[in-house]
Amino acid sequence: MTIDERLKDEHVDSLFEAILLLGGIEECYQFFEDLCTVNELKALAQRFAVAKSSPSYSFRVFPP
């Protein structure tokens, strides 16, 4: 899979690095609550659910 070069910058790198350091579900809730509105997080979760159901989705994640 090729990554869109428009995504790559120091801010996105920093965000991804912070996400990778999260220690569990509770930390994720705290992190994303600080970062997003409830509606933004719900929309992101919905987009993730759609992506997971796509035949082209190939990332390893927890079971549905």
PDB file of N, CA and C in Angstrom:
ATOM      1  N   MET A   1       0.846  -1.181   0.000  1.00  0.00           N
ATOM      2  CA  MET A   1       0.000   0.000   0.000  1.00  0.00           C
ATOM      3  C   MET A   1       0.890   1.242   0.000  1.00  0.00           C
ATOM      4  N   THR A   2       0.575   2.180  -0.847  1.00  0.00           N
ATOM      5  CA  THR A   2       1.331   3.414  -0.943  1.00  0.00           C
ATOM      6  C   THR A   2       0.668   4.478  -0.090  1.00  0.00           C
ATOM      7  N   ILE A   3       1.476   5.223   0.659  1.00  0.00           N
ATOM      8  CA  ILE A   3       0.953   6.284   1.515  1.00  0.00           C
ATOM      9  C   ILE A   3       0.956   7.590   0.732  1.00  0.00           C
ATOM     10  N   ASP A   4      -0.151   8.292   0.788  1.00  0.00           N
ATOM     11  CA  ASP A   4      -0.285   9.589   0.126  1.00  0.00           C
ATOM     12  C   ASP A   4       0.712  10.561   0.754  1.00  0.00           C
ATOM     13  N   GLU A   5       1.611  11.066  -0.039  1.00  0.00           N
ATOM     14  CA  GLU A   5       2.668  11.954   0.452  1.00  0.00           C
ATOM     15  C   GLU A   5       2.117  13.239   1.073  1.00  0.00           C
ATOM     16  N   ARG A   6       0.893  13.620   0.729  1.00  0.00           N
ATOM     17  CA  ARG A   6       0.301  14.833   1.321  1.00  0.00           C
ATOM     18  C   ARG A   6       0.052  14.657   2.817  1.00  0.00           C
ATOM     19  N   LEU A   7      -0.044  13.423   3.258  1.00  0.00           N
ATOM     20  CA  LEU A   7      -0.274  13.157   4.679  1.00  0.00           C
ATOM     21  C   LEU A   7       0.976  13.358   5.518  1.00  0.00           C
ATOM     22  N   LYS A   8       2.116  13.140   4.917  1.00  0.00           N
ATOM     23  CA  LYS A   8       3.364  13.101   5.670  1.00  0.00           C
ATOM     24  C   LYS A   8       3.864  14.503   6.028  1.00  0.00           C
ATOM     25  N   ASP A   9       3.888  14.771   7.320  1.00  0.00           N
ATOM     26  CA  ASP A   9       4.530  15.971   7.843  1.00  0.00           C
ATOM     27  C   ASP A   9       4.819  15.750   9.322  1.00  0.00           C
ATOM     28  N   GLU A  10       5.508  16.679   9.939  1.00  0.00           N
ATOM     29  CA  GLU A  10       5.933  16.490  11.328  1.00  0.00           C
ATOM     30  C   GLU A  10       4.752  16.400  12.297  1.00  0.00           C
ATOM     31  N   HIS A  11       3.651  17.089  11.991  1.00  0.00           N
ATOM     32  CA  HIS A  11       2.491  17.058  12.879  1.00  0.00           C
ATOM     33  C   HIS A  11       1.801  15.695  12.849  1.00  0.00           C
ATOM     34  N   VAL A  12       1.657  15.138  11.665  1.00  0.00           N
ATOM     35  CA  VAL A  12       1.033  13.818  11.538  1.00  0.00           C
ATOM     36  C   VAL A  12       1.941  12.766  12.168  1.00  0.00           C
ATOM     37  N   ASP A  13       3.253  12.873  11.921  1.00  0.00           N
ATOM     38  CA  ASP A  13       4.199  11.950  12.564  1.00  0.00           C
ATOM     39  C   ASP A  13       4.066  12.005  14.080  1.00  0.00           C
ATOM     40  N   SER A  14       3.997  13.203  14.619  1.00  0.00           N
ATOM     41  CA  SER A  14       3.885  13.384  16.063  1.00  0.00           C
ATOM     42  C   SER A  14       2.589  12.764  16.599  1.00  0.00           C
ATOM     43  N   LEU A  15       1.489  12.954  15.883  1.00  0.00           N
ATOM     44  CA  LEU A  15       0.210  12.355  16.273  1.00  0.00           C
ATOM     45  C   LEU A  15       0.311  10.842  16.301  1.00  0.00           C
ATOM     46  N   PHE A  16       0.845  10.258  15.244  1.00  0.00           N
ATOM     47  CA  PHE A  16       0.952   8.805  15.172  1.00  0.00           C
ATOM     48  C   PHE A  16       1.881   8.266  16.251  1.00  0.00           C
ATOM     49  N   GLU A  17       2.959   8.944  16.515  1.00  0.00           N
ATOM     50  CA  GLU A  17       3.881   8.520  17.572  1.00  0.00           C
ATOM     51  C   GLU A  17       3.185   8.542  18.937  1.00  0.00           C
ATOM     52  N   ALA A  18       2.368   9.564  19.177  1.00  0.00           N
ATOM     53  CA  ALA A  18       1.624   9.640  20.442  1.00  0.00           C
ATOM     54  C   ALA A  18       0.621   8.502  20.548  1.00  0.00           C
ATOM     55  N   ILE A  19      -0.073   8.192  19.472  1.00  0.00           N
ATOM     56  CA  ILE A  19      -1.049   7.101  19.478  1.00  0.00           C
ATOM     57  C   ILE A  19      -0.349   5.776  19.756  1.00  0.00           C
ATOM     58  N   LEU A  20       0.813   5.577  19.167  1.00  0.00           N
ATOM     59  CA  LEU A  20       1.543   4.326  19.381  1.00  0.00           C
ATOM     60  C   LEU A  20       2.005   4.149  20.826  1.00  0.00           C
ATOM     61  N   LEU A  21       2.103   5.226  21.575  1.00  0.00           N
ATOM     62  CA  LEU A  21       2.542   5.156  22.964  1.00  0.00           C
ATOM     63  C   LEU A  21       1.406   4.922  23.957  1.00  0.00           C
ATOM     64  N   LEU A  22       0.165   4.978  23.495  1.00  0.00           N
ATOM     65  CA  LEU A  22      -0.967   4.803  24.396  1.00  0.00           C
ATOM     66  C   LEU A  22      -0.939   3.399  24.991  1.00  0.00           C
ATOM     67  N   GLY A  23      -1.193   3.320  26.299  1.00  0.00           N
ATOM     68  CA  GLY A  23      -1.006   2.074  27.023  1.00  0.00           C
ATOM     69  C   GLY A  23      -2.228   1.191  27.169  1.00  0.00           C
ATOM     70  N   GLY A  24      -3.362   1.633  26.726  1.00  0.00           N
ATOM     71  CA  GLY A  24      -4.565   0.806  26.866  1.00  0.00           C
ATOM     72  C   GLY A  24      -5.795   1.587  26.463  1.00  0.00           C
ATOM     73  N   ILE A  25      -6.929   0.933  26.580  1.00  0.00           N
ATOM     74  CA  ILE A  25      -8.189   1.532  26.134  1.00  0.00           C
ATOM     75  C   ILE A  25      -8.528   2.796  26.913  1.00  0.00           C
ATOM     76  N   GLU A  26      -8.279   2.802  28.225  1.00  0.00           N
ATOM     77  CA  GLU A  26      -8.591   3.981  29.039  1.00  0.00           C
ATOM     78  C   GLU A  26      -7.746   5.179  28.604  1.00  0.00           C
ATOM     79  N   GLU A  27      -6.456   4.935  28.339  1.00  0.00           N
ATOM     80  CA  GLU A  27      -5.599   6.021  27.836  1.00  0.00           C
ATOM     81  C   GLU A  27      -6.082   6.513  26.480  1.00  0.00           C
ATOM     82  N   CYS A  28      -6.574   5.609  25.657  1.00  0.00           N
ATOM     83  CA  CYS A  28      -7.108   6.006  24.346  1.00  0.00           C
ATOM     84  C   CYS A  28      -8.316   6.924  24.510  1.00  0.00           C
ATOM     85  N   TYR A  29      -9.212   6.541  25.409  1.00  0.00           N
ATOM     86  CA  TYR A  29     -10.375   7.400  25.662  1.00  0.00           C
ATOM     87  C   TYR A  29      -9.932   8.784  26.111  1.00  0.00           C
ATOM     88  N   GLN A  30      -8.991   8.850  27.038  1.00  0.00           N
ATOM     89  CA  GLN A  30      -8.517  10.140  27.546  1.00  0.00           C
ATOM     90  C   GLN A  30      -7.842  10.956  26.444  1.00  0.00           C
ATOM     91  N   PHE A  31      -6.997  10.305  25.669  1.00  0.00           N
ATOM     92  CA  PHE A  31      -6.273  10.976  24.597  1.00  0.00           C
ATOM     93  C   PHE A  31      -7.243  11.559  23.565  1.00  0.00           C
ATOM     94  N   PHE A  32      -8.139  10.711  23.076  1.00  0.00           N
ATOM     95  CA  PHE A  32      -9.045  11.166  22.017  1.00  0.00           C
ATOM     96  C   PHE A  32     -10.106  12.132  22.537  1.00  0.00           C
ATOM     97  N   GLU A  33     -10.448  12.033  23.807  1.00  0.00           N
ATOM     98  CA  GLU A  33     -11.375  13.007  24.380  1.00  0.00           C
ATOM     99  C   GLU A  33     -10.738  14.395  24.412  1.00  0.00           C
ATOM    100  N   ASP A  34      -9.434  14.434  24.669  1.00  0.00           N
ATOM    101  CA  ASP A  34      -8.709  15.709  24.626  1.00  0.00           C
ATOM    102  C   ASP A  34      -8.553  16.230  23.202  1.00  0.00           C
ATOM    103  N   LEU A  35      -8.466  15.317  22.259  1.00  0.00           N
ATOM    104  CA  LEU A  35      -8.144  15.673  20.881  1.00  0.00           C
ATOM    105  C   LEU A  35      -9.367  15.992  20.024  1.00  0.00           C
ATOM    106  N   CYS A  36     -10.460  15.285  20.251  1.00  0.00           N
ATOM    107  CA  CYS A  36     -11.622  15.357  19.359  1.00  0.00           C
ATOM    108  C   CYS A  36     -12.895  15.693  20.127  1.00  0.00           C
ATOM    109  N   THR A  37     -13.860  16.218  19.386  1.00  0.00           N
ATOM    110  CA  THR A  37     -15.197  16.322  19.954  1.00  0.00           C
ATOM    111  C   THR A  37     -15.808  14.923  19.943  1.00  0.00           C
ATOM    112  N   VAL A  38     -16.889  14.745  20.677  1.00  0.00           N
ATOM    113  CA  VAL A  38     -17.581  13.456  20.683  1.00  0.00           C
ATOM    114  C   VAL A  38     -18.011  13.097  19.266  1.00  0.00           C
ATOM    115  N   ASN A  39     -18.571  14.044  18.545  1.00  0.00           N
ATOM    116  CA  ASN A  39     -19.030  13.777  17.177  1.00  0.00           C
ATOM    117  C   ASN A  39     -17.882  13.416  16.246  1.00  0.00           C
ATOM    118  N   GLU A  40     -16.739  14.084  16.393  1.00  0.00           N
ATOM    119  CA  GLU A  40     -15.582  13.755  15.554  1.00  0.00           C
ATOM    120  C   GLU A  40     -15.097  12.339  15.824  1.00  0.00           C
ATOM    121  N   LEU A  41     -15.042  11.967  17.088  1.00  0.00           N
ATOM    122  CA  LEU A  41     -14.580  10.626  17.427  1.00  0.00           C
ATOM    123  C   LEU A  41     -15.571   9.560  16.973  1.00  0.00           C
ATOM    124  N   LYS A  42     -16.859   9.834  17.130  1.00  0.00           N
ATOM    125  CA  LYS A  42     -17.884   8.895  16.647  1.00  0.00           C
ATOM    126  C   LYS A  42     -17.781   8.729  15.126  1.00  0.00           C
ATOM    127  N   ALA A  43     -17.557   9.834  14.409  1.00  0.00           N
ATOM    128  CA  ALA A  43     -17.422   9.776  12.951  1.00  0.00           C
ATOM    129  C   ALA A  43     -16.181   8.977  12.556  1.00  0.00           C
ATOM    130  N   LEU A  44     -15.082   9.180  13.261  1.00  0.00           N
ATOM    131  CA  LEU A  44     -13.856   8.438  12.984  1.00  0.00           C
ATOM    132  C   LEU A  44     -14.075   6.942  13.237  1.00  0.00           C
ATOM    133  N   ALA A  45     -14.734   6.606  14.330  1.00  0.00           N
ATOM    134  CA  ALA A  45     -15.022   5.208  14.645  1.00  0.00           C
ATOM    135  C   ALA A  45     -15.915   4.577  13.575  1.00  0.00           C
ATOM    136  N   GLN A  46     -16.881   5.343  13.083  1.00  0.00           N
ATOM    137  CA  GLN A  46     -17.766   4.841  12.034  1.00  0.00           C
ATOM    138  C   GLN A  46     -16.987   4.607  10.735  1.00  0.00           C
ATOM    139  N   ARG A  47     -16.088   5.529  10.399  1.00  0.00           N
ATOM    140  CA  ARG A  47     -15.261   5.357   9.197  1.00  0.00           C
ATOM    141  C   ARG A  47     -14.378   4.126   9.329  1.00  0.00           C
ATOM    142  N   PHE A  48     -13.856   3.906  10.546  1.00  0.00           N
ATOM    143  CA  PHE A  48     -13.021   2.733  10.787  1.00  0.00           C
ATOM    144  C   PHE A  48     -13.830   1.454  10.603  1.00  0.00           C
ATOM    145  N   ALA A  49     -15.048   1.428  11.101  1.00  0.00           N
ATOM    146  CA  ALA A  49     -15.914   0.254  10.948  1.00  0.00           C
ATOM    147  C   ALA A  49     -16.171  -0.044   9.472  1.00  0.00           C
ATOM    148  N   VAL A  50     -16.401   0.982   8.691  1.00  0.00           N
ATOM    149  CA  VAL A  50     -16.627   0.801   7.251  1.00  0.00           C
ATOM    150  C   VAL A  50     -15.357   0.282   6.585  1.00  0.00           C
ATOM    151  N   ALA A  51     -14.213   0.868   6.949  1.00  0.00           N
ATOM    152  CA  ALA A  51     -12.943   0.435   6.358  1.00  0.00           C
ATOM    153  C   ALA A  51     -12.657  -1.033   6.680  1.00  0.00           C
ATOM    154  N   LYS A  52     -12.950  -1.448   7.923  1.00  0.00           N
ATOM    155  CA  LYS A  52     -12.705  -2.840   8.317  1.00  0.00           C
ATOM    156  C   LYS A  52     -13.561  -3.807   7.524  1.00  0.00           C
ATOM    157  N   SER A  53     -14.720  -3.374   7.078  1.00  0.00           N
ATOM    158  CA  SER A  53     -15.610  -4.268   6.336  1.00  0.00           C
ATOM    159  C   SER A  53     -15.271  -4.319   4.849  1.00  0.00           C
ATOM    160  N   SER A  54     -14.340  -3.487   4.416  1.00  0.00           N
ATOM    161  CA  SER A  54     -13.938  -3.451   3.011  1.00  0.00           C
ATOM    162  C   SER A  54     -13.045  -4.644   2.687  1.00  0.00           C
ATOM    163  N   PRO A  55     -13.269  -5.257   1.517  1.00  0.00           N
ATOM    164  CA  PRO A  55     -12.421  -6.394   1.126  1.00  0.00           C
ATOM    165  C   PRO A  55     -10.942  -6.004   0.987  1.00  0.00           C
ATOM    166  N   SER A  56     -10.666  -4.736   0.743  1.00  0.00           N
ATOM    167  CA  SER A  56      -9.282  -4.312   0.553  1.00  0.00           C
ATOM    168  C   SER A  56      -8.583  -3.982   1.878  1.00  0.00           C
ATOM    169  N   TYR A  57      -9.319  -4.063   2.992  1.00  0.00           N
ATOM    170  CA  TYR A  57      -8.731  -3.760   4.304  1.00  0.00           C
ATOM    171  C   TYR A  57      -7.766  -4.875   4.672  1.00  0.00           C
ATOM    172  N   SER A  58      -6.522  -4.504   4.990  1.00  0.00           N
ATOM    173  CA  SER A  58      -5.523  -5.549   5.218  1.00  0.00           C
ATOM    174  C   SER A  58      -4.744  -5.370   6.506  1.00  0.00           C
ATOM    175  N   PHE A  59      -5.191  -4.496   7.392  1.00  0.00           N
ATOM    176  CA  PHE A  59      -4.444  -4.253   8.623  1.00  0.00           C
ATOM    177  C   PHE A  59      -4.889  -5.205   9.710  1.00  0.00           C
ATOM    178  N   ARG A  60      -3.950  -5.606  10.531  1.00  0.00           N
ATOM    179  CA  ARG A  60      -4.212  -6.497  11.638  1.00  0.00           C
ATOM    180  C   ARG A  60      -4.825  -5.707  12.784  1.00  0.00           C
ATOM    181  N   VAL A  61      -6.007  -6.089  13.190  1.00  0.00           N
ATOM    182  CA  VAL A  61      -6.679  -5.432  14.313  1.00  0.00           C
ATOM    183  C   VAL A  61      -7.352  -6.499  15.156  1.00  0.00           C
ATOM    184  N   PHE A  62      -7.886  -6.072  16.287  1.00  0.00           N
ATOM    185  CA  PHE A  62      -8.620  -6.980  17.137  1.00  0.00           C
ATOM    186  C   PHE A  62      -9.856  -7.474  16.392  1.00  0.00           C
ATOM    187  N   PRO A  63     -10.362  -8.635  16.778  1.00  0.00           N
ATOM    188  CA  PRO A  63     -11.569  -9.171  16.133  1.00  0.00           C
ATOM    189  C   PRO A  63     -12.731  -8.177  16.231  1.00  0.00           C
ATOM    190  N   PRO A  64     -13.675  -8.263  15.294  1.00  0.00           N
ATOM    191  CA  PRO A  64     -14.818  -7.325  15.279  1.00  0.00           C
ATOM    192  C   PRO A  64     -15.656  -7.359  16.529  1.00  0.00           C
TER     193      PRO A  64
END
